[in-house]
Amino acid sequence: METTEYMLIAFDSTHKAIHFERLLLNQFAIELIPTPREITASCGLSLKYECDDHSQVMAQLTDEEKTGVRLFHYIKTLQGSRAVQMDWGNTDAFKA
């Protein structure tokens, strides 16, 4: 069975999405994508990055204000997809 997993950061404002993108762009393989329909977000943009980069991305974002910013582990299989919201304070174990 084919499973695709990645991390998503969803934003309530386009300004915040662009800010986070600028912080991470030169260090990680990130992509600004439309927010998947399983996630409700005001600005409609999410930042996608690989699960393998998760710890390093979290370290880079430690001091950033996260109001209006939500973190998800996104899992897509042949049966469908789901987004598991994660707590910014406890992001070590994200496998669902």
PDB file of N, CA and C in Angstrom:
ATOM      1  N   MET A   1       0.837  -1.186   0.000  1.00  0.00           N
ATOM      2  CA  MET A   1       0.000   0.000   0.000  1.00  0.00           C
ATOM      3  C   MET A   1       0.879   1.245   0.000  1.00  0.00           C
ATOM      4  N   GLU A   2       0.552   2.179  -0.853  1.00  0.00           N
ATOM      5  CA  GLU A   2       1.296   3.431  -0.972  1.00  0.00           C
ATOM      6  C   GLU A   2       0.819   4.433   0.078  1.00  0.00           C
ATOM      7  N   THR A   3       1.745   4.887   0.920  1.00  0.00           N
ATOM      8  CA  THR A   3       1.450   5.895   1.929  1.00  0.00           C
ATOM      9  C   THR A   3       2.408   7.054   1.762  1.00  0.00           C
ATOM     10  N   THR A   4       1.863   8.257   1.762  1.00  0.00           N
ATOM     11  CA  THR A   4       2.672   9.470   1.701  1.00  0.00           C
ATOM     12  C   THR A   4       2.437  10.245   2.987  1.00  0.00           C
ATOM     13  N   GLU A   5       3.523  10.647   3.630  1.00  0.00           N
ATOM     14  CA  GLU A   5       3.421  11.418   4.861  1.00  0.00           C
ATOM     15  C   GLU A   5       4.298  12.653   4.761  1.00  0.00           C
ATOM     16  N   TYR A   6       3.797  13.735   5.282  1.00  0.00           N
ATOM     17  CA  TYR A   6       4.594  14.950   5.384  1.00  0.00           C
ATOM     18  C   TYR A   6       4.012  15.828   6.476  1.00  0.00           C
ATOM     19  N   MET A   7       4.724  16.877   6.795  1.00  0.00           N
ATOM     20  CA  MET A   7       4.299  17.812   7.825  1.00  0.00           C
ATOM     21  C   MET A   7       3.731  19.060   7.156  1.00  0.00           C
ATOM     22  N   LEU A   8       2.749  19.660   7.805  1.00  0.00           N
ATOM     23  CA  LEU A   8       2.130  20.888   7.313  1.00  0.00           C
ATOM     24  C   LEU A   8       2.035  21.901   8.438  1.00  0.00           C
ATOM     25  N   ILE A   9       2.281  23.140   8.101  1.00  0.00           N
ATOM     26  CA  ILE A   9       2.006  24.244   9.015  1.00  0.00           C
ATOM     27  C   ILE A   9       0.942  25.086   8.331  1.00  0.00           C
ATOM     28  N   ALA A  10      -0.217  25.225   8.982  1.00  0.00           N
ATOM     29  CA  ALA A  10      -1.339  25.998   8.429  1.00  0.00           C
ATOM     30  C   ALA A  10      -1.402  27.359   9.121  1.00  0.00           C
ATOM     31  N   PHE A  11      -1.816  28.363   8.386  1.00  0.00           N
ATOM     32  CA  PHE A  11      -1.766  29.740   8.861  1.00  0.00           C
ATOM     33  C   PHE A  11      -3.123  30.428   8.791  1.00  0.00           C
ATOM     34  N   ASP A  12      -3.315  31.387   9.702  1.00  0.00           N
ATOM     35  CA  ASP A  12      -4.516  32.212   9.675  1.00  0.00           C
ATOM     36  C   ASP A  12      -4.308  33.500   8.883  1.00  0.00           C
ATOM     37  N   SER A  13      -3.063  33.758   8.483  1.00  0.00           N
ATOM     38  CA  SER A  13      -2.814  34.958   7.672  1.00  0.00           C
ATOM     39  C   SER A  13      -1.726  34.670   6.635  1.00  0.00           C
ATOM     40  N   THR A  14      -1.875  35.287   5.491  1.00  0.00           N
ATOM     41  CA  THR A  14      -0.890  35.155   4.424  1.00  0.00           C
ATOM     42  C   THR A  14       0.450  35.746   4.863  1.00  0.00           C
ATOM     43  N   HIS A  15       0.402  36.823   5.618  1.00  0.00           N
ATOM     44  CA  HIS A  15       1.622  37.455   6.119  1.00  0.00           C
ATOM     45  C   HIS A  15       2.453  36.461   6.930  1.00  0.00           C
ATOM     46  N   LYS A  16       1.805  35.725   7.811  1.00  0.00           N
ATOM     47  CA  LYS A  16       2.503  34.739   8.646  1.00  0.00           C
ATOM     48  C   LYS A  16       3.056  33.604   7.786  1.00  0.00           C
ATOM     49  N   ALA A  17       2.303  33.159   6.787  1.00  0.00           N
ATOM     50  CA  ALA A  17       2.770  32.089   5.893  1.00  0.00           C
ATOM     51  C   ALA A  17       4.044  32.503   5.171  1.00  0.00           C
ATOM     52  N   ILE A  18       4.075  33.711   4.660  1.00  0.00           N
ATOM     53  CA  ILE A  18       5.252  34.204   3.940  1.00  0.00           C
ATOM     54  C   ILE A  18       6.433  34.377   4.895  1.00  0.00           C
ATOM     55  N   HIS A  19       6.160  34.832   6.107  1.00  0.00           N
ATOM     56  CA  HIS A  19       7.220  34.985   7.114  1.00  0.00           C
ATOM     57  C   HIS A  19       7.884  33.640   7.410  1.00  0.00           C
ATOM     58  N   PHE A  20       7.087  32.611   7.671  1.00  0.00           N
ATOM     59  CA  PHE A  20       7.635  31.286   7.970  1.00  0.00           C
ATOM     60  C   PHE A  20       8.364  30.717   6.750  1.00  0.00           C
ATOM     61  N   GLU A  21       7.818  30.948   5.558  1.00  0.00           N
ATOM     62  CA  GLU A  21       8.479  30.477   4.346  1.00  0.00           C
ATOM     63  C   GLU A  21       9.871  31.092   4.224  1.00  0.00           C
ATOM     64  N   ARG A  22       9.990  32.374   4.461  1.00  0.00           N
ATOM     65  CA  ARG A  22      11.290  33.057   4.370  1.00  0.00           C
ATOM     66  C   ARG A  22      12.284  32.518   5.398  1.00  0.00           C
ATOM     67  N   LEU A  23      11.786  32.193   6.583  1.00  0.00           N
ATOM     68  CA  LEU A  23      12.664  31.650   7.626  1.00  0.00           C
ATOM     69  C   LEU A  23      13.265  30.298   7.241  1.00  0.00           C
ATOM     70  N   LEU A  24      12.510  29.491   6.514  1.00  0.00           N
ATOM     71  CA  LEU A  24      12.891  28.105   6.266  1.00  0.00           C
ATOM     72  C   LEU A  24      13.383  27.829   4.846  1.00  0.00           C
ATOM     73  N   LEU A  25      13.134  28.726   3.924  1.00  0.00           N
ATOM     74  CA  LEU A  25      13.340  28.474   2.505  1.00  0.00           C
ATOM     75  C   LEU A  25      14.748  28.023   2.127  1.00  0.00           C
ATOM     76  N   ASN A  26      15.760  28.653   2.632  1.00  0.00           N
ATOM     77  CA  ASN A  26      17.130  28.326   2.238  1.00  0.00           C
ATOM     78  C   ASN A  26      17.738  27.165   3.008  1.00  0.00           C
ATOM     79  N   GLN A  27      16.994  26.614   3.968  1.00  0.00           N
ATOM     80  CA  GLN A  27      17.535  25.552   4.807  1.00  0.00           C
ATOM     81  C   GLN A  27      16.867  24.197   4.603  1.00  0.00           C
ATOM     82  N   PHE A  28      15.642  24.201   4.099  1.00  0.00           N
ATOM     83  CA  PHE A  28      14.869  22.964   4.001  1.00  0.00           C
ATOM     84  C   PHE A  28      14.125  22.903   2.670  1.00  0.00           C
ATOM     85  N   ALA A  29      13.768  21.689   2.280  1.00  0.00           N
ATOM     86  CA  ALA A  29      12.936  21.498   1.091  1.00  0.00           C
ATOM     87  C   ALA A  29      11.491  21.740   1.512  1.00  0.00           C
ATOM     88  N   ILE A  30      11.042  22.978   1.361  1.00  0.00           N
ATOM     89  CA  ILE A  30       9.682  23.348   1.761  1.00  0.00           C
ATOM     90  C   ILE A  30       8.910  23.768   0.527  1.00  0.00           C
ATOM     91  N   GLU A  31       7.590  23.778   0.687  1.00  0.00           N
ATOM     92  CA  GLU A  31       6.720  24.191  -0.410  1.00  0.00           C
ATOM     93  C   GLU A  31       5.495  24.854   0.179  1.00  0.00           C
ATOM     94  N   LEU A  32       5.127  26.010  -0.326  1.00  0.00           N
ATOM     95  CA  LEU A  32       3.900  26.686   0.068  1.00  0.00           C
ATOM     96  C   LEU A  32       2.791  26.144  -0.826  1.00  0.00           C
ATOM     97  N   ILE A  33       1.787  25.492  -0.219  1.00  0.00           N
ATOM     98  CA  ILE A  33       0.741  24.809  -0.982  1.00  0.00           C
ATOM     99  C   ILE A  33      -0.639  25.267  -0.509  1.00  0.00           C
ATOM    100  N   PRO A  34      -1.675  25.036  -1.309  1.00  0.00           N
ATOM    101  CA  PRO A  34      -3.034  25.269  -0.823  1.00  0.00           C
ATOM    102  C   PRO A  34      -3.308  24.330   0.358  1.00  0.00           C
ATOM    103  N   THR A  35      -3.962  24.840   1.365  1.00  0.00           N
ATOM    104  CA  THR A  35      -4.271  24.022   2.537  1.00  0.00           C
ATOM    105  C   THR A  35      -5.230  22.903   2.138  1.00  0.00           C
ATOM    106  N   PRO A  36      -4.903  21.651   2.484  1.00  0.00           N
ATOM    107  CA  PRO A  36      -5.809  20.536   2.168  1.00  0.00           C
ATOM    108  C   PRO A  36      -7.182  20.747   2.805  1.00  0.00           C
ATOM    109  N   ARG A  37      -8.211  20.212   2.173  1.00  0.00           N
ATOM    110  CA  ARG A  37      -9.571  20.460   2.664  1.00  0.00           C
ATOM    111  C   ARG A  37      -9.847  19.829   4.027  1.00  0.00           C
ATOM    112  N   GLU A  38      -9.007  18.902   4.472  1.00  0.00           N
ATOM    113  CA  GLU A  38      -9.181  18.325   5.814  1.00  0.00           C
ATOM    114  C   GLU A  38      -8.831  19.330   6.913  1.00  0.00           C
ATOM    115  N   ILE A  39      -8.182  20.403   6.528  1.00  0.00           N
ATOM    116  CA  ILE A  39      -7.739  21.430   7.482  1.00  0.00           C
ATOM    117  C   ILE A  39      -8.441  22.734   7.145  1.00  0.00           C
ATOM    118  N   THR A  40      -8.987  23.384   8.150  1.00  0.00           N
ATOM    119  CA  THR A  40      -9.602  24.693   7.965  1.00  0.00           C
ATOM    120  C   THR A  40      -8.601  25.756   8.384  1.00  0.00           C
ATOM    121  N   ALA A  41      -8.295  26.677   7.488  1.00  0.00           N
ATOM    122  CA  ALA A  41      -7.376  27.782   7.780  1.00  0.00           C
ATOM    123  C   ALA A  41      -7.856  29.020   7.042  1.00  0.00           C
ATOM    124  N   SER A  42      -7.728  30.156   7.682  1.00  0.00           N
ATOM    125  CA  SER A  42      -8.253  31.400   7.115  1.00  0.00           C
ATOM    126  C   SER A  42      -7.570  31.826   5.830  1.00  0.00           C
ATOM    127  N   CYS A  43      -6.253  31.676   5.742  1.00  0.00           N
ATOM    128  CA  CYS A  43      -5.584  32.217   4.563  1.00  0.00           C
ATOM    129  C   CYS A  43      -5.503  31.199   3.427  1.00  0.00           C
ATOM    130  N   GLY A  44      -5.718  29.927   3.690  1.00  0.00           N
ATOM    131  CA  GLY A  44      -5.728  28.932   2.632  1.00  0.00           C
ATOM    132  C   GLY A  44      -4.360  28.462   2.177  1.00  0.00           C
ATOM    133  N   LEU A  45      -3.293  28.882   2.859  1.00  0.00           N
ATOM    134  CA  LEU A  45      -1.940  28.453   2.522  1.00  0.00           C
ATOM    135  C   LEU A  45      -1.345  27.630   3.654  1.00  0.00           C
ATOM    136  N   SER A  46      -0.595  26.620   3.277  1.00  0.00           N
ATOM    137  CA  SER A  46       0.132  25.807   4.252  1.00  0.00           C
ATOM    138  C   SER A  46       1.556  25.609   3.766  1.00  0.00           C
ATOM    139  N   LEU A  47       2.434  25.434   4.712  1.00  0.00           N
ATOM    140  CA  LEU A  47       3.827  25.163   4.419  1.00  0.00           C
ATOM    141  C   LEU A  47       4.057  23.666   4.596  1.00  0.00           C
ATOM    142  N   LYS A  48       4.532  23.022   3.549  1.00  0.00           N
ATOM    143  CA  LYS A  48       4.741  21.571   3.541  1.00  0.00           C
ATOM    144  C   LYS A  48       6.244  21.292   3.648  1.00  0.00           C
ATOM    145  N   TYR A  49       6.599  20.308   4.499  1.00  0.00           N
ATOM    146  CA  TYR A  49       7.986  19.878   4.575  1.00  0.00           C
ATOM    147  C   TYR A  49       8.044  18.399   4.938  1.00  0.00           C
ATOM    148  N   GLU A  50       9.192  17.795   4.721  1.00  0.00           N
ATOM    149  CA  GLU A  50       9.379  16.361   4.939  1.00  0.00           C
ATOM    150  C   GLU A  50       9.417  16.012   6.430  1.00  0.00           C
ATOM    151  N   CYS A  51       8.880  14.856   6.761  1.00  0.00           N
ATOM    152  CA  CYS A  51       8.895  14.377   8.147  1.00  0.00           C
ATOM    153  C   CYS A  51      10.318  14.268   8.677  1.00  0.00           C
ATOM    154  N   ASP A  52      11.263  13.892   7.830  1.00  0.00           N
ATOM    155  CA  ASP A  52      12.661  13.744   8.254  1.00  0.00           C
ATOM    156  C   ASP A  52      13.272  15.064   8.719  1.00  0.00           C
ATOM    157  N   ASP A  53      12.738  16.191   8.266  1.00  0.00           N
ATOM    158  CA  ASP A  53      13.246  17.508   8.651  1.00  0.00           C
ATOM    159  C   ASP A  53      12.544  18.092   9.870  1.00  0.00           C
ATOM    160  N   HIS A  54      11.599  17.363  10.415  1.00  0.00           N
ATOM    161  CA  HIS A  54      10.732  17.904  11.465  1.00  0.00           C
ATOM    162  C   HIS A  54      11.495  18.467  12.664  1.00  0.00           C
ATOM    163  N   SER A  55      12.400  17.708  13.235  1.00  0.00           N
ATOM    164  CA  SER A  55      13.135  18.172  14.421  1.00  0.00           C
ATOM    165  C   SER A  55      13.911  19.450  14.133  1.00  0.00           C
ATOM    166  N   GLN A  56      14.543  19.506  12.976  1.00  0.00           N
ATOM    167  CA  GLN A  56      15.326  20.687  12.617  1.00  0.00           C
ATOM    168  C   GLN A  56      14.432  21.899  12.342  1.00  0.00           C
ATOM    169  N   VAL A  57      13.303  21.667  11.715  1.00  0.00           N
ATOM    170  CA  VAL A  57      12.355  22.766  11.475  1.00  0.00           C
ATOM    171  C   VAL A  57      11.845  23.307  12.800  1.00  0.00           C
ATOM    172  N   MET A  58      11.503  22.414  13.731  1.00  0.00           N
ATOM    173  CA  MET A  58      11.022  22.859  15.040  1.00  0.00           C
ATOM    174  C   MET A  58      12.087  23.660  15.776  1.00  0.00           C
ATOM    175  N   ALA A  59      13.335  23.237  15.671  1.00  0.00           N
ATOM    176  CA  ALA A  59      14.423  23.978  16.313  1.00  0.00           C
ATOM    177  C   ALA A  59      14.546  25.379  15.711  1.00  0.00           C
ATOM    178  N   GLN A  60      14.375  25.480  14.408  1.00  0.00           N
ATOM    179  CA  GLN A  60      14.465  26.777  13.730  1.00  0.00           C
ATOM    180  C   GLN A  60      13.316  27.709  14.139  1.00  0.00           C
ATOM    181  N   LEU A  61      12.159  27.138  14.458  1.00  0.00           N
ATOM    182  CA  LEU A  61      10.967  27.943  14.774  1.00  0.00           C
ATOM    183  C   LEU A  61      10.732  28.138  16.267  1.00  0.00           C
ATOM    184  N   THR A  62      11.657  27.728  17.096  1.00  0.00           N
ATOM    185  CA  THR A  62      11.489  27.777  18.554  1.00  0.00           C
ATOM    186  C   THR A  62      11.044  29.142  19.053  1.00  0.00           C
ATOM    187  N   ASP A  63      11.668  30.197  18.582  1.00  0.00           N
ATOM    188  CA  ASP A  63      11.392  31.539  19.100  1.00  0.00           C
ATOM    189  C   ASP A  63      10.297  32.291  18.349  1.00  0.00           C
ATOM    190  N   GLU A  64       9.678  31.651  17.379  1.00  0.00           N
ATOM    191  CA  GLU A  64       8.646  32.330  16.585  1.00  0.00           C
ATOM    192  C   GLU A  64       7.292  32.334  17.297  1.00  0.00           C
ATOM    193  N   GLU A  65       6.547  33.404  17.122  1.00  0.00           N
ATOM    194  CA  GLU A  65       5.185  33.508  17.642  1.00  0.00           C
ATOM    195  C   GLU A  65       4.293  32.567  16.836  1.00  0.00           C
ATOM    196  N   LYS A  66       3.544  31.726  17.531  1.00  0.00           N
ATOM    197  CA  LYS A  66       2.754  30.711  16.837  1.00  0.00           C
ATOM    198  C   LYS A  66       1.242  30.910  16.977  1.00  0.00           C
ATOM    199  N   THR A  67       0.826  32.094  17.393  1.00  0.00           N
ATOM    200  CA  THR A  67      -0.595  32.396  17.446  1.00  0.00           C
ATOM    201  C   THR A  67      -1.140  32.382  16.021  1.00  0.00           C
ATOM    202  N   GLY A  68      -2.213  31.636  15.786  1.00  0.00           N
ATOM    203  CA  GLY A  68      -2.805  31.545  14.453  1.00  0.00           C
ATOM    204  C   GLY A  68      -2.054  30.612  13.524  1.00  0.00           C
ATOM    205  N   VAL A  69      -1.155  29.808  14.070  1.00  0.00           N
ATOM    206  CA  VAL A  69      -0.353  28.879  13.281  1.00  0.00           C
ATOM    207  C   VAL A  69      -0.541  27.486  13.870  1.00  0.00           C
ATOM    208  N   ARG A  70      -0.936  26.531  13.015  1.00  0.00           N
ATOM    209  CA  ARG A  70      -1.175  25.168  13.506  1.00  0.00           C
ATOM    210  C   ARG A  70      -0.296  24.172  12.763  1.00  0.00           C
ATOM    211  N   LEU A  71       0.093  23.141  13.481  1.00  0.00           N
ATOM    212  CA  LEU A  71       1.014  22.133  12.978  1.00  0.00           C
ATOM    213  C   LEU A  71       0.268  20.816  12.781  1.00  0.00           C
ATOM    214  N   PHE A  72       0.508  20.152  11.633  1.00  0.00           N
ATOM    215  CA  PHE A  72      -0.173  18.901  11.311  1.00  0.00           C
ATOM    216  C   PHE A  72       0.789  17.860  10.762  1.00  0.00           C
ATOM    217  N   HIS A  73       0.506  16.621  11.064  1.00  0.00           N
ATOM    218  CA  HIS A  73       1.138  15.476  10.407  1.00  0.00           C
ATOM    219  C   HIS A  73       0.095  15.001   9.400  1.00  0.00           C
ATOM    220  N   TYR A  74       0.428  15.051   8.124  1.00  0.00           N
ATOM    221  CA  TYR A  74      -0.521  14.727   7.060  1.00  0.00           C
ATOM    222  C   TYR A  74      -0.191  13.358   6.495  1.00  0.00           C
ATOM    223  N   ILE A  75      -1.187  12.495   6.449  1.00  0.00           N
ATOM    224  CA  ILE A  75      -1.008  11.112   6.002  1.00  0.00           C
ATOM    225  C   ILE A  75      -1.994  10.841   4.875  1.00  0.00           C
ATOM    226  N   LYS A  76      -1.471  10.406   3.728  1.00  0.00           N
ATOM    227  CA  LYS A  76      -2.313  10.133   2.564  1.00  0.00           C
ATOM    228  C   LYS A  76      -2.097   8.681   2.144  1.00  0.00           C
ATOM    229  N   THR A  77      -3.186   7.918   2.066  1.00  0.00           N
ATOM    230  CA  THR A  77      -3.138   6.522   1.637  1.00  0.00           C
ATOM    231  C   THR A  77      -4.129   6.327   0.492  1.00  0.00           C
ATOM    232  N   LEU A  78      -4.186   5.129  -0.037  1.00  0.00           N
ATOM    233  CA  LEU A  78      -5.158   4.832  -1.093  1.00  0.00           C
ATOM    234  C   LEU A  78      -6.595   4.951  -0.585  1.00  0.00           C
ATOM    235  N   GLN A  79      -6.786   4.761   0.710  1.00  0.00           N
ATOM    236  CA  GLN A  79      -8.128   4.856   1.302  1.00  0.00           C
ATOM    237  C   GLN A  79      -8.556   6.288   1.594  1.00  0.00           C
ATOM    238  N   GLY A  80      -7.633   7.219   1.558  1.00  0.00           N
ATOM    239  CA  GLY A  80      -7.972   8.602   1.856  1.00  0.00           C
ATOM    240  C   GLY A  80      -6.821   9.300   2.560  1.00  0.00           C
ATOM    241  N   SER A  81      -7.105  10.469   3.082  1.00  0.00           N
ATOM    242  CA  SER A  81      -6.074  11.230   3.769  1.00  0.00           C
ATOM    243  C   SER A  81      -6.617  11.760   5.081  1.00  0.00           C
ATOM    244  N   ARG A  82      -5.684  12.054   5.981  1.00  0.00           N
ATOM    245  CA  ARG A  82      -6.070  12.634   7.262  1.00  0.00           C
ATOM    246  C   ARG A  82      -4.960  13.543   7.747  1.00  0.00           C
ATOM    247  N   ALA A  83      -5.355  14.526   8.501  1.00  0.00           N
ATOM    248  CA  ALA A  83      -4.425  15.484   9.082  1.00  0.00           C
ATOM    249  C   ALA A  83      -4.544  15.391  10.595  1.00  0.00           C
ATOM    250  N   VAL A  84      -3.443  15.066  11.248  1.00  0.00           N
ATOM    251  CA  VAL A  84      -3.418  14.939  12.697  1.00  0.00           C
ATOM    252  C   VAL A  84      -2.781  16.205  13.260  1.00  0.00           C
ATOM    253  N   GLN A  85      -3.584  17.002  13.986  1.00  0.00           N
ATOM    254  CA  GLN A  85      -3.035  18.232  14.557  1.00  0.00           C
ATOM    255  C   GLN A  85      -2.120  17.883  15.722  1.00  0.00           C
ATOM    256  N   MET A  86      -1.006  18.597  15.786  1.00  0.00           N
ATOM    257  CA  MET A  86      -0.015  18.362  16.816  1.00  0.00           C
ATOM    258  C   MET A  86       0.108  19.575  17.721  1.00  0.00           C
ATOM    259  N   ASP A  87       0.563  19.330  18.917  1.00  0.00           N
ATOM    260  CA  ASP A  87       0.818  20.383  19.889  1.00  0.00           C
ATOM    261  C   ASP A  87       2.223  20.924  19.649  1.00  0.00           C
ATOM    262  N   TRP A  88       2.382  22.226  19.528  1.00  0.00           N
ATOM    263  CA  TRP A  88       3.695  22.825  19.301  1.00  0.00           C
ATOM    264  C   TRP A  88       4.666  22.473  20.421  1.00  0.00           C
ATOM    265  N   GLY A  89       4.172  22.263  21.627  1.00  0.00           N
ATOM    266  CA  GLY A  89       5.045  21.970  22.753  1.00  0.00           C
ATOM    267  C   GLY A  89       5.485  20.531  22.845  1.00  0.00           C
ATOM    268  N   ASN A  90       4.832  19.618  22.115  1.00  0.00           N
ATOM    269  CA  ASN A  90       5.167  18.204  22.195  1.00  0.00           C
ATOM    270  C   ASN A  90       5.184  17.637  20.776  1.00  0.00           C
ATOM    271  N   THR A  91       6.253  17.912  20.051  1.00  0.00           N
ATOM    272  CA  THR A  91       6.292  17.524  18.643  1.00  0.00           C
ATOM    273  C   THR A  91       7.293  16.416  18.350  1.00  0.00           C
ATOM    274  N   ASP A  92       7.810  15.773  19.378  1.00  0.00           N
ATOM    275  CA  ASP A  92       8.806  14.731  19.156  1.00  0.00           C
ATOM    276  C   ASP A  92       8.198  13.478  18.510  1.00  0.00           C
ATOM    277  N   ALA A  93       7.066  13.043  19.023  1.00  0.00           N
ATOM    278  CA  ALA A  93       6.451  11.807  18.531  1.00  0.00           C
ATOM    279  C   ALA A  93       5.268  12.162  17.652  1.00  0.00           C
ATOM    280  N   PHE A  94       5.490  12.293  16.360  1.00  0.00           N
ATOM    281  CA  PHE A  94       4.411  12.705  15.475  1.00  0.00           C
ATOM    282  C   PHE A  94       3.832  11.566  14.663  1.00  0.00           C
ATOM    283  N   LYS A  95       4.381  10.390  14.742  1.00  0.00           N
ATOM    284  CA  LYS A  95       3.844   9.267  13.978  1.00  0.00           C
ATOM    285  C   LYS A  95       2.493   8.854  14.553  1.00  0.00           C
ATOM    286  N   ALA A  96       1.509   8.776  13.676  1.00  0.00           N
ATOM    287  CA  ALA A  96       0.159   8.401  14.126  1.00  0.00           C
ATOM    288  C   ALA A  96      -0.139   6.980  13.717  1.00  0.00           C
TER     289      ALA A  96
END
